[in-house]
N, C-alpha and C. Protein backbone atom coordinates (compact mmCIF):
# COMPACT_ATOMS: atom_id res chain seq x y z
N MET A 1 -6.69 -15.69 -2.69
CA MET A 1 -5.77 -14.57 -2.49
C MET A 1 -6.01 -14.01 -1.09
N LYS A 2 -4.94 -13.81 -0.39
CA LYS A 2 -5.02 -13.28 0.97
C LYS A 2 -5.11 -11.76 0.93
N HIS A 3 -6.02 -11.20 1.72
CA HIS A 3 -6.20 -9.75 1.79
C HIS A 3 -5.81 -9.28 3.18
N ASP A 4 -4.66 -8.64 3.24
CA ASP A 4 -4.09 -8.27 4.53
C ASP A 4 -4.25 -6.80 4.90
N TYR A 5 -4.61 -5.96 3.98
CA TYR A 5 -4.64 -4.53 4.29
C TYR A 5 -5.97 -3.92 3.85
N ALA A 6 -6.84 -3.67 4.80
CA ALA A 6 -8.13 -3.01 4.55
C ALA A 6 -8.91 -3.66 3.41
N GLY A 7 -8.83 -4.99 3.33
CA GLY A 7 -9.53 -5.73 2.30
C GLY A 7 -8.78 -5.87 0.99
N TRP A 8 -7.58 -5.35 0.93
CA TRP A 8 -6.74 -5.43 -0.26
C TRP A 8 -5.52 -6.30 0.01
N THR A 9 -4.85 -6.71 -1.04
CA THR A 9 -3.69 -7.59 -0.92
C THR A 9 -2.61 -7.02 -0.01
N ASN A 10 -2.33 -5.74 -0.15
CA ASN A 10 -1.27 -5.09 0.62
C ASN A 10 -1.51 -3.58 0.65
N HIS A 11 -0.67 -2.90 1.40
CA HIS A 11 -0.79 -1.45 1.52
C HIS A 11 -0.63 -0.75 0.17
N GLU A 12 0.30 -1.21 -0.64
CA GLU A 12 0.55 -0.57 -1.93
C GLU A 12 -0.68 -0.63 -2.84
N THR A 13 -1.35 -1.78 -2.84
CA THR A 13 -2.55 -1.94 -3.67
C THR A 13 -3.69 -1.07 -3.13
N TRP A 14 -3.87 -1.09 -1.82
CA TRP A 14 -4.89 -0.24 -1.19
C TRP A 14 -4.64 1.22 -1.52
N ASN A 15 -3.40 1.65 -1.40
CA ASN A 15 -3.05 3.04 -1.62
C ASN A 15 -3.24 3.45 -3.08
N ALA A 16 -2.84 2.59 -4.00
CA ALA A 16 -3.03 2.90 -5.42
C ALA A 16 -4.52 3.03 -5.74
N ASN A 17 -5.33 2.11 -5.22
CA ASN A 17 -6.76 2.19 -5.47
C ASN A 17 -7.37 3.43 -4.82
N LEU A 18 -6.90 3.76 -3.61
CA LEU A 18 -7.39 4.96 -2.93
C LEU A 18 -7.13 6.20 -3.78
N TRP A 19 -5.91 6.34 -4.30
CA TRP A 19 -5.58 7.50 -5.11
C TRP A 19 -6.33 7.49 -6.43
N LEU A 20 -6.55 6.32 -6.98
CA LEU A 20 -7.32 6.23 -8.22
C LEU A 20 -8.76 6.69 -7.97
N ASP A 21 -9.34 6.24 -6.86
CA ASP A 21 -10.70 6.67 -6.51
C ASP A 21 -10.77 8.16 -6.21
N GLU A 22 -9.73 8.72 -5.61
CA GLU A 22 -9.71 10.14 -5.25
C GLU A 22 -9.60 11.05 -6.48
N ARG A 23 -8.95 10.56 -7.50
CA ARG A 23 -8.82 11.34 -8.74
C ARG A 23 -9.97 10.94 -9.65
N TRP A 24 -11.10 11.61 -9.53
CA TRP A 24 -12.32 11.18 -10.21
C TRP A 24 -12.15 11.08 -11.71
N GLN A 25 -11.30 11.92 -12.30
CA GLN A 25 -11.10 11.84 -13.75
C GLN A 25 -10.48 10.50 -14.13
N ASP A 26 -9.49 10.08 -13.36
CA ASP A 26 -8.84 8.80 -13.63
C ASP A 26 -9.78 7.64 -13.32
N SER A 27 -10.53 7.77 -12.25
CA SER A 27 -11.48 6.73 -11.87
C SER A 27 -12.54 6.56 -12.95
N GLU A 28 -13.06 7.67 -13.46
CA GLU A 28 -14.05 7.61 -14.54
C GLU A 28 -13.44 7.03 -15.81
N LEU A 29 -12.19 7.38 -16.09
CA LEU A 29 -11.50 6.85 -17.26
C LEU A 29 -11.40 5.33 -17.17
N VAL A 30 -10.99 4.83 -16.02
CA VAL A 30 -10.85 3.39 -15.83
C VAL A 30 -12.22 2.71 -15.91
N ALA A 31 -13.24 3.31 -15.33
CA ALA A 31 -14.59 2.75 -15.41
C ALA A 31 -15.06 2.69 -16.87
N CYS A 32 -14.77 3.72 -17.64
CA CYS A 32 -15.14 3.72 -19.06
C CYS A 32 -14.35 2.67 -19.84
N MET A 33 -13.08 2.50 -19.50
CA MET A 33 -12.28 1.46 -20.14
C MET A 33 -12.89 0.09 -19.87
N ALA A 34 -13.31 -0.13 -18.62
CA ALA A 34 -13.93 -1.42 -18.27
C ALA A 34 -15.19 -1.62 -19.09
N THR A 35 -16.02 -0.60 -19.19
CA THR A 35 -17.25 -0.69 -19.97
C THR A 35 -16.94 -1.01 -21.43
N ASP A 36 -15.97 -0.31 -22.00
CA ASP A 36 -15.60 -0.55 -23.40
C ASP A 36 -15.08 -1.96 -23.62
N LEU A 37 -14.31 -2.48 -22.67
CA LEU A 37 -13.76 -3.83 -22.82
C LEU A 37 -14.85 -4.88 -22.83
N PHE A 38 -15.95 -4.63 -22.13
CA PHE A 38 -17.07 -5.58 -22.13
C PHE A 38 -17.68 -5.72 -23.52
N SER A 39 -17.58 -4.69 -24.35
CA SER A 39 -18.14 -4.78 -25.69
C SER A 39 -17.27 -5.61 -26.63
N SER A 40 -16.00 -5.82 -26.26
CA SER A 40 -15.09 -6.58 -27.11
C SER A 40 -14.74 -7.96 -26.56
N TYR A 41 -14.86 -8.14 -25.26
CA TYR A 41 -14.47 -9.39 -24.62
C TYR A 41 -15.60 -9.86 -23.72
N GLY A 42 -15.75 -11.16 -23.60
CA GLY A 42 -16.81 -11.70 -22.76
C GLY A 42 -16.33 -12.24 -21.44
N ASP A 43 -15.07 -12.58 -21.36
CA ASP A 43 -14.51 -13.19 -20.16
C ASP A 43 -14.02 -12.12 -19.18
N THR A 44 -14.58 -12.12 -17.97
CA THR A 44 -14.21 -11.07 -17.01
C THR A 44 -12.75 -11.15 -16.58
N GLU A 45 -12.18 -12.35 -16.55
CA GLU A 45 -10.76 -12.46 -16.19
C GLU A 45 -9.88 -11.84 -17.26
N GLU A 46 -10.24 -12.06 -18.51
CA GLU A 46 -9.49 -11.45 -19.61
C GLU A 46 -9.62 -9.93 -19.57
N ILE A 47 -10.84 -9.46 -19.33
CA ILE A 47 -11.06 -8.02 -19.22
C ILE A 47 -10.23 -7.43 -18.09
N ALA A 48 -10.22 -8.10 -16.94
CA ALA A 48 -9.44 -7.61 -15.79
C ALA A 48 -7.95 -7.59 -16.11
N GLY A 49 -7.47 -8.59 -16.83
CA GLY A 49 -6.06 -8.62 -17.21
C GLY A 49 -5.67 -7.46 -18.10
N ILE A 50 -6.49 -7.20 -19.09
CA ILE A 50 -6.23 -6.08 -20.01
C ILE A 50 -6.34 -4.75 -19.26
N LEU A 51 -7.37 -4.63 -18.43
CA LEU A 51 -7.57 -3.40 -17.66
C LEU A 51 -6.43 -3.16 -16.67
N ALA A 52 -5.91 -4.23 -16.08
CA ALA A 52 -4.79 -4.10 -15.14
C ALA A 52 -3.58 -3.45 -15.80
N VAL A 53 -3.28 -3.86 -17.02
CA VAL A 53 -2.16 -3.26 -17.75
C VAL A 53 -2.43 -1.79 -18.02
N SER A 54 -3.66 -1.46 -18.37
CA SER A 54 -4.01 -0.06 -18.64
C SER A 54 -3.91 0.80 -17.39
N ILE A 55 -4.34 0.26 -16.25
CA ILE A 55 -4.27 1.02 -15.00
C ILE A 55 -2.82 1.26 -14.60
N LYS A 56 -2.00 0.23 -14.70
CA LYS A 56 -0.58 0.39 -14.36
C LYS A 56 0.06 1.43 -15.28
N THR A 57 -0.26 1.38 -16.55
CA THR A 57 0.27 2.36 -17.51
C THR A 57 -0.16 3.76 -17.14
N LEU A 58 -1.43 3.93 -16.75
CA LEU A 58 -1.94 5.23 -16.34
C LEU A 58 -1.12 5.79 -15.17
N PHE A 59 -0.85 4.95 -14.18
CA PHE A 59 -0.07 5.40 -13.03
C PHE A 59 1.36 5.75 -13.44
N ILE A 60 1.97 4.93 -14.25
CA ILE A 60 3.37 5.17 -14.64
C ILE A 60 3.48 6.43 -15.49
N GLU A 61 2.53 6.63 -16.40
CA GLU A 61 2.56 7.84 -17.25
C GLU A 61 2.35 9.11 -16.45
N ASN A 62 1.65 9.02 -15.31
CA ASN A 62 1.40 10.20 -14.49
C ASN A 62 2.41 10.38 -13.36
N ALA A 63 3.38 9.50 -13.29
CA ALA A 63 4.37 9.58 -12.22
C ALA A 63 5.32 10.76 -12.47
N PRO A 64 5.72 11.41 -11.39
CA PRO A 64 6.69 12.51 -11.55
C PRO A 64 8.06 11.95 -11.91
N GLU A 65 8.83 12.77 -12.59
CA GLU A 65 10.19 12.36 -12.92
C GLU A 65 11.09 12.59 -11.72
N LEU A 66 11.86 11.57 -11.39
CA LEU A 66 12.79 11.65 -10.26
C LEU A 66 14.18 11.29 -10.74
N GLU A 67 15.15 11.82 -10.06
CA GLU A 67 16.53 11.44 -10.35
C GLU A 67 16.77 10.03 -9.82
N ASN A 68 17.69 9.32 -10.45
CA ASN A 68 18.07 8.01 -9.94
C ASN A 68 18.56 8.15 -8.51
N GLY A 69 18.15 7.22 -7.68
CA GLY A 69 18.58 7.26 -6.29
C GLY A 69 17.59 6.55 -5.40
N PHE A 70 17.73 6.78 -4.12
CA PHE A 70 16.93 6.10 -3.10
C PHE A 70 15.43 6.27 -3.32
N TYR A 71 14.97 7.51 -3.52
CA TYR A 71 13.53 7.76 -3.62
C TYR A 71 12.94 7.11 -4.87
N MET A 72 13.65 7.15 -5.96
CA MET A 72 13.17 6.48 -7.16
C MET A 72 13.10 4.97 -6.93
N ASP A 73 14.10 4.41 -6.28
CA ASP A 73 14.10 2.98 -5.98
C ASP A 73 12.92 2.60 -5.09
N MET A 74 12.64 3.43 -4.10
CA MET A 74 11.53 3.14 -3.19
C MET A 74 10.18 3.22 -3.91
N ILE A 75 10.02 4.21 -4.75
CA ILE A 75 8.77 4.35 -5.50
C ILE A 75 8.59 3.19 -6.47
N LEU A 76 9.64 2.85 -7.20
CA LEU A 76 9.54 1.74 -8.14
C LEU A 76 9.28 0.42 -7.41
N SER A 77 9.87 0.27 -6.25
CA SER A 77 9.64 -0.93 -5.45
C SER A 77 8.18 -1.01 -5.02
N SER A 78 7.62 0.10 -4.60
CA SER A 78 6.21 0.12 -4.20
C SER A 78 5.29 -0.15 -5.39
N ILE A 79 5.59 0.45 -6.52
CA ILE A 79 4.77 0.23 -7.71
C ILE A 79 4.80 -1.24 -8.11
N HIS A 80 5.94 -1.87 -7.94
CA HIS A 80 6.07 -3.30 -8.27
C HIS A 80 5.19 -4.16 -7.37
N GLU A 81 4.92 -3.71 -6.15
CA GLU A 81 4.12 -4.48 -5.20
C GLU A 81 2.61 -4.34 -5.40
N VAL A 82 2.19 -3.34 -6.17
CA VAL A 82 0.76 -3.13 -6.39
C VAL A 82 0.19 -4.32 -7.17
N ASN A 83 -0.94 -4.81 -6.70
CA ASN A 83 -1.66 -5.87 -7.40
C ASN A 83 -2.64 -5.19 -8.36
N TRP A 84 -2.15 -4.87 -9.55
CA TRP A 84 -2.94 -4.14 -10.54
C TRP A 84 -4.16 -4.95 -10.96
N TYR A 85 -4.00 -6.26 -11.01
CA TYR A 85 -5.12 -7.13 -11.39
C TYR A 85 -6.26 -7.01 -10.38
N GLU A 86 -5.92 -6.93 -9.11
CA GLU A 86 -6.95 -6.80 -8.08
C GLU A 86 -7.73 -5.50 -8.23
N ILE A 87 -7.04 -4.42 -8.53
CA ILE A 87 -7.71 -3.13 -8.75
C ILE A 87 -8.61 -3.24 -9.98
N ALA A 88 -8.10 -3.85 -11.03
CA ALA A 88 -8.90 -4.03 -12.24
C ALA A 88 -10.14 -4.87 -11.96
N GLN A 89 -9.98 -5.93 -11.18
CA GLN A 89 -11.13 -6.77 -10.81
C GLN A 89 -12.20 -5.95 -10.12
N HIS A 90 -11.78 -5.02 -9.27
CA HIS A 90 -12.71 -4.14 -8.56
C HIS A 90 -13.58 -3.37 -9.57
N TYR A 91 -12.95 -2.83 -10.60
CA TYR A 91 -13.69 -2.08 -11.62
C TYR A 91 -14.55 -3.00 -12.48
N VAL A 92 -14.05 -4.19 -12.78
CA VAL A 92 -14.83 -5.16 -13.55
C VAL A 92 -16.05 -5.60 -12.76
N GLU A 93 -15.86 -5.86 -11.47
CA GLU A 93 -17.00 -6.24 -10.62
C GLU A 93 -18.04 -5.13 -10.55
N ASN A 94 -17.60 -3.89 -10.50
CA ASN A 94 -18.54 -2.76 -10.51
C ASN A 94 -19.33 -2.72 -11.81
N GLU A 95 -18.65 -2.98 -12.92
CA GLU A 95 -19.33 -2.98 -14.22
C GLU A 95 -20.33 -4.13 -14.32
N VAL A 96 -19.94 -5.30 -13.83
CA VAL A 96 -20.86 -6.45 -13.82
C VAL A 96 -22.10 -6.12 -12.99
N ALA A 97 -21.89 -5.53 -11.82
CA ALA A 97 -23.01 -5.16 -10.95
C ALA A 97 -23.92 -4.13 -11.62
N ALA A 98 -23.33 -3.16 -12.30
CA ALA A 98 -24.12 -2.13 -12.99
C ALA A 98 -24.94 -2.76 -14.12
N ARG A 99 -24.35 -3.71 -14.84
CA ARG A 99 -25.07 -4.38 -15.92
C ARG A 99 -26.22 -5.23 -15.36
N GLU A 100 -25.97 -5.90 -14.26
CA GLU A 100 -27.03 -6.71 -13.64
C GLU A 100 -28.17 -5.83 -13.13
N LEU A 101 -27.81 -4.70 -12.55
CA LEU A 101 -28.83 -3.76 -12.07
C LEU A 101 -29.65 -3.22 -13.24
N GLU A 102 -28.97 -2.92 -14.34
CA GLU A 102 -29.66 -2.43 -15.52
C GLU A 102 -30.63 -3.48 -16.05
N LEU A 103 -30.23 -4.74 -16.04
CA LEU A 103 -31.12 -5.81 -16.49
C LEU A 103 -32.32 -5.98 -15.56
N ASP A 104 -32.08 -5.78 -14.27
CA ASP A 104 -33.15 -5.92 -13.28
C ASP A 104 -34.20 -4.82 -13.40
N THR A 105 -33.81 -3.67 -13.94
CA THR A 105 -34.75 -2.56 -14.02
C THR A 105 -35.66 -2.64 -15.24
N TYR A 106 -35.38 -3.58 -16.14
CA TYR A 106 -36.24 -3.74 -17.33
C TYR A 106 -37.29 -4.78 -17.12
C-alpha cells in the first residue's frame, strides 16, 4: 500500500486519524474495542476488518446533519476516501505492541 500523506494513504485518512486521536474519548473507545476483539478473534487482519467498520460507524454517527447539497456531497466524498482499515490496523498494531510489552515484563 502506498502512503502518500504523512505516512498515511491519503489526506482524508490522515485527517480522520488525527481527529480520532484528538478526541481522547473516541480514541480510548477504539482502543478498548481493539482489546475486546483480541479476546474473540485471533487473526489481526480479521480484527482490523471488524474494527474498521466500527470506526467508520463511529464517525458517521457523530457527523453533523447537513442539508443535501454541495457541502454534504463534499463531506461524503471525503468520508468515502478514508482508508478505515488502515486506521484500524494502527490500533491493532498498538494492541499487539502492548501485549508484547506486557509479556516482556513477566
